[in-house]
Amino acid sequence: MLKAELRKKYKQKRKALSTDEAFLLSEKIFNTFIDYFKPISGQKIHIFIPIEKFNEIRTDIFIDYFLSRNIRVFVPKIVDKQLISVEIFADSKFEVNGWGISEPISNEDSGVLDFDLVITPLLYCDSKGNRVGYGKGFYDGFFKSISVKTKKIGVNYFNPDENIDDVWENDIPLDYLVTPTEVLSFLGLE
């Protein structure tokens, strides 16, 4: 399927989830993630803040866990049409931007490029790690700027069951996908 078709299909599937279903699935994704990756104190994890109106994965569960275990947490913020990475703390202040995304008030880019993990938003991911986002290309640009050792991890309510037919040259695939029931690794796939 084409990205545009997949984007439409998975926006609808996600919208069909009730708030309770989305929360329970988010908890399962969180538990699957923790069991597999076992994050530890001192690691640097970049994670998105969900767009609630789009029923995205509830990452507040992850962020609270990380902060309570001295794991450094970084979140994206778009400044001058670029995705920067802002480090957050338990007392960080947030505001809602024009897209309805809660983001830190700070515009200070952390300058960190050697994250241990980047947890990435997406609408769909196929069995090769290719992802469909919202079509703005922010994460592909971000992925090009960070360390090649950083693990790029997508989180999704749904398992891959269709291939993306229009993968572009600049698209950077994920290393892993975490669903409510499993972790798929795309490392070593061609």
Protein backbone atom coordinates (compact mmCIF):
# COMPACT_ATOMS: atom_id res chain seq x y z
CA MET A 1 0.00 0.00 0.00
CA LEU A 2 1.03 3.60 -0.47
CA LYS A 3 1.93 5.75 2.52
CA ALA A 4 -1.07 8.02 1.97
CA GLU A 5 -3.45 5.04 2.05
CA LEU A 6 -1.76 3.55 5.12
CA ARG A 7 -1.79 6.94 6.85
CA LYS A 8 -5.54 7.24 6.32
CA LYS A 9 -6.27 3.63 7.30
CA TYR A 10 -4.26 3.69 10.54
CA LYS A 11 -5.48 7.13 11.59
CA GLN A 12 -9.01 5.68 11.38
CA LYS A 13 -8.05 2.48 13.24
CA ARG A 14 -6.42 4.50 15.99
CA LYS A 15 -9.37 6.92 16.18
CA ALA A 16 -11.70 3.93 16.66
CA LEU A 17 -9.96 3.02 19.94
CA SER A 18 -11.67 4.22 23.09
CA THR A 19 -9.64 6.21 25.62
CA ASP A 20 -9.61 3.16 27.91
CA GLU A 21 -8.48 0.84 25.11
CA ALA A 22 -5.69 3.23 24.12
CA PHE A 23 -4.52 3.48 27.74
CA LEU A 24 -4.55 -0.31 28.28
CA LEU A 25 -2.68 -0.90 25.00
CA SER A 26 -0.19 1.83 25.95
CA GLU A 27 0.44 0.08 29.27
CA LYS A 28 1.03 -3.22 27.44
CA ILE A 29 3.45 -1.52 25.03
CA PHE A 30 5.24 0.06 28.00
CA ASN A 31 5.57 -3.30 29.79
CA THR A 32 6.77 -5.03 26.61
CA PHE A 33 9.32 -2.24 26.11
CA ILE A 34 10.64 -2.43 29.70
CA ASP A 35 10.90 -6.23 29.62
CA TYR A 36 12.88 -6.17 26.38
CA PHE A 37 15.11 -3.09 26.63
CA LYS A 38 15.58 -2.94 30.42
CA PRO A 39 16.56 0.76 30.57
CA ILE A 40 18.97 1.72 33.34
CA SER A 41 20.06 4.81 35.26
CA GLY A 42 22.23 7.19 33.28
CA GLN A 43 20.92 6.21 29.85
CA LYS A 44 19.75 8.95 27.49
CA ILE A 45 16.33 8.35 25.97
CA HIS A 46 14.60 10.61 23.46
CA ILE A 47 10.81 10.13 23.50
CA PHE A 48 7.87 11.92 21.93
CA ILE A 49 4.99 13.51 23.78
CA PRO A 50 1.72 12.22 22.28
CA ILE A 51 -0.85 14.19 20.37
CA GLU A 52 -3.89 13.28 22.44
CA LYS A 53 -6.45 14.11 19.74
CA PHE A 54 -4.74 11.52 17.50
CA ASN A 55 -4.92 8.84 20.22
CA GLU A 56 -1.14 8.33 20.18
CA ILE A 57 0.62 5.96 22.57
CA ARG A 58 0.54 7.36 26.13
CA THR A 59 4.23 8.06 26.68
CA ASP A 60 3.71 9.75 30.05
CA ILE A 61 3.95 6.23 31.52
CA PHE A 62 7.43 5.87 30.00
CA ILE A 63 8.56 9.38 30.98
CA ASP A 64 7.48 8.97 34.62
CA TYR A 65 9.29 5.63 34.81
CA PHE A 66 12.48 7.04 33.26
CA LEU A 67 12.58 10.13 35.46
CA SER A 68 12.00 8.04 38.62
CA ARG A 69 15.05 5.91 37.74
CA ASN A 70 17.51 8.69 36.87
CA ILE A 71 17.29 7.98 33.16
CA ARG A 72 17.86 11.20 31.21
CA VAL A 73 14.79 12.14 29.18
CA PHE A 74 14.75 14.25 26.03
CA VAL A 75 11.70 15.29 24.04
CA PRO A 76 11.32 16.79 20.57
CA LYS A 77 10.38 20.37 19.90
CA ILE A 78 10.03 22.02 16.52
CA VAL A 79 11.92 25.33 16.40
CA ASP A 80 12.39 27.15 13.09
CA LYS A 81 11.09 24.08 11.21
CA GLN A 82 13.77 21.86 12.79
CA LEU A 83 13.32 19.12 15.38
CA ILE A 84 15.48 19.89 18.40
CA SER A 85 15.94 17.75 21.48
CA VAL A 86 15.13 19.35 24.85
CA GLU A 87 16.12 17.61 28.08
CA ILE A 88 13.27 17.53 30.59
CA PHE A 89 13.10 17.03 34.33
CA ALA A 90 10.33 16.36 36.85
CA ASP A 91 9.81 20.13 37.28
CA SER A 92 10.01 21.12 33.59
CA LYS A 93 7.30 23.52 32.40
CA PHE A 94 5.23 22.74 29.29
CA GLU A 95 2.84 24.54 26.95
CA VAL A 96 0.56 23.31 24.17
CA ASN A 97 1.68 24.30 20.66
CA GLY A 98 -0.42 24.99 17.57
CA TRP A 99 -0.62 21.26 16.71
CA GLY A 100 -2.04 20.45 20.15
CA ILE A 101 1.23 18.90 21.35
CA SER A 102 2.46 19.60 24.86
CA GLU A 103 6.08 20.66 24.62
CA PRO A 104 8.67 22.17 26.95
CA ILE A 105 8.71 25.95 27.20
CA SER A 106 12.50 25.84 26.78
CA ASN A 107 13.89 26.26 23.27
CA GLU A 108 17.34 25.11 24.36
CA ASP A 109 18.59 22.26 22.19
CA SER A 110 20.45 19.79 24.41
CA GLY A 111 23.04 19.17 21.69
CA VAL A 112 22.96 15.47 22.59
CA LEU A 113 23.40 13.18 19.59
CA ASP A 114 24.44 9.93 21.28
CA PHE A 115 21.11 8.79 22.68
CA ASP A 116 20.84 5.19 23.82
CA LEU A 117 17.27 4.96 22.51
CA VAL A 118 14.92 7.12 20.46
CA ILE A 119 11.25 6.19 20.89
CA THR A 120 9.51 7.38 17.77
CA PRO A 121 5.90 8.21 16.98
CA LEU A 122 4.33 6.62 13.92
CA LEU A 123 1.03 5.67 12.38
CA TYR A 124 2.26 2.44 10.84
CA CYS A 125 5.41 0.35 10.49
CA ASP A 126 5.88 -2.49 8.01
CA SER A 127 7.78 -5.77 8.48
CA LYS A 128 11.03 -4.15 7.28
CA GLY A 129 11.00 -1.26 9.76
CA ASN A 130 9.78 1.33 7.28
CA ARG A 131 7.42 3.73 8.97
CA VAL A 132 4.57 6.00 8.07
CA GLY A 133 4.37 9.16 10.14
CA TYR A 134 2.45 12.33 9.50
CA GLY A 135 4.46 13.15 6.38
CA LYS A 136 6.51 16.10 7.63
CA GLY A 137 9.90 14.29 7.58
CA PHE A 138 11.04 15.63 10.96
CA TYR A 139 12.21 12.26 12.26
CA ASP A 140 14.07 11.25 9.10
CA GLY A 141 16.08 14.47 9.40
CA PHE A 142 16.59 13.85 13.12
CA PHE A 143 17.73 10.26 12.51
CA LYS A 144 20.40 11.50 10.09
CA SER A 145 21.84 13.79 12.76
CA ILE A 146 22.16 11.32 15.65
CA SER A 147 24.69 8.59 16.37
CA VAL A 148 24.41 5.46 14.21
CA LYS A 149 24.62 3.46 17.47
CA THR A 150 21.34 4.91 18.73
CA LYS A 151 18.50 2.37 18.64
CA LYS A 152 15.49 3.76 16.77
CA ILE A 153 12.34 2.26 18.27
CA GLY A 154 8.79 2.67 17.04
CA VAL A 155 5.77 2.03 19.25
CA ASN A 156 2.42 1.07 17.78
CA TYR A 157 -0.90 -0.46 18.75
CA PHE A 158 -0.91 -2.53 15.56
CA ASN A 159 1.36 -5.23 14.12
CA PRO A 160 2.77 -4.89 10.60
CA ASP A 161 0.59 -6.71 8.08
CA GLU A 162 1.13 -4.71 4.89
CA ASN A 163 4.24 -3.50 3.07
CA ILE A 164 4.83 0.15 2.29
CA ASP A 165 5.13 0.39 -1.50
CA ASP A 166 6.50 3.92 -1.76
CA VAL A 167 9.56 3.91 0.50
CA TRP A 168 11.76 6.85 -0.43
CA GLU A 169 15.53 7.09 -0.62
CA ASN A 170 15.66 9.47 2.37
CA ASP A 171 13.43 7.30 4.59
CA ILE A 172 15.36 5.83 7.49
CA PRO A 173 13.93 2.56 8.84
CA LEU A 174 13.48 1.73 12.50
CA ASP A 175 15.62 -0.80 14.34
CA TYR A 176 12.72 -2.12 16.44
CA LEU A 177 8.95 -1.96 16.74
CA VAL A 178 7.22 -2.47 20.10
CA THR A 179 3.57 -3.55 20.03
CA PRO A 180 1.32 -4.59 22.92
CA THR A 181 2.46 -8.21 22.51
CA GLU A 182 5.98 -8.27 21.06
CA VAL A 183 9.18 -6.56 20.01
CA LEU A 184 10.14 -6.92 16.37
CA SER A 185 13.77 -6.39 15.39
CA PHE A 186 14.63 -5.10 11.93
CA LEU A 187 18.38 -5.20 12.47
CA GLY A 188 20.09 -7.19 9.74
CA LEU A 189 17.18 -6.89 7.31
CA GLU A 190 17.99 -5.62 3.84
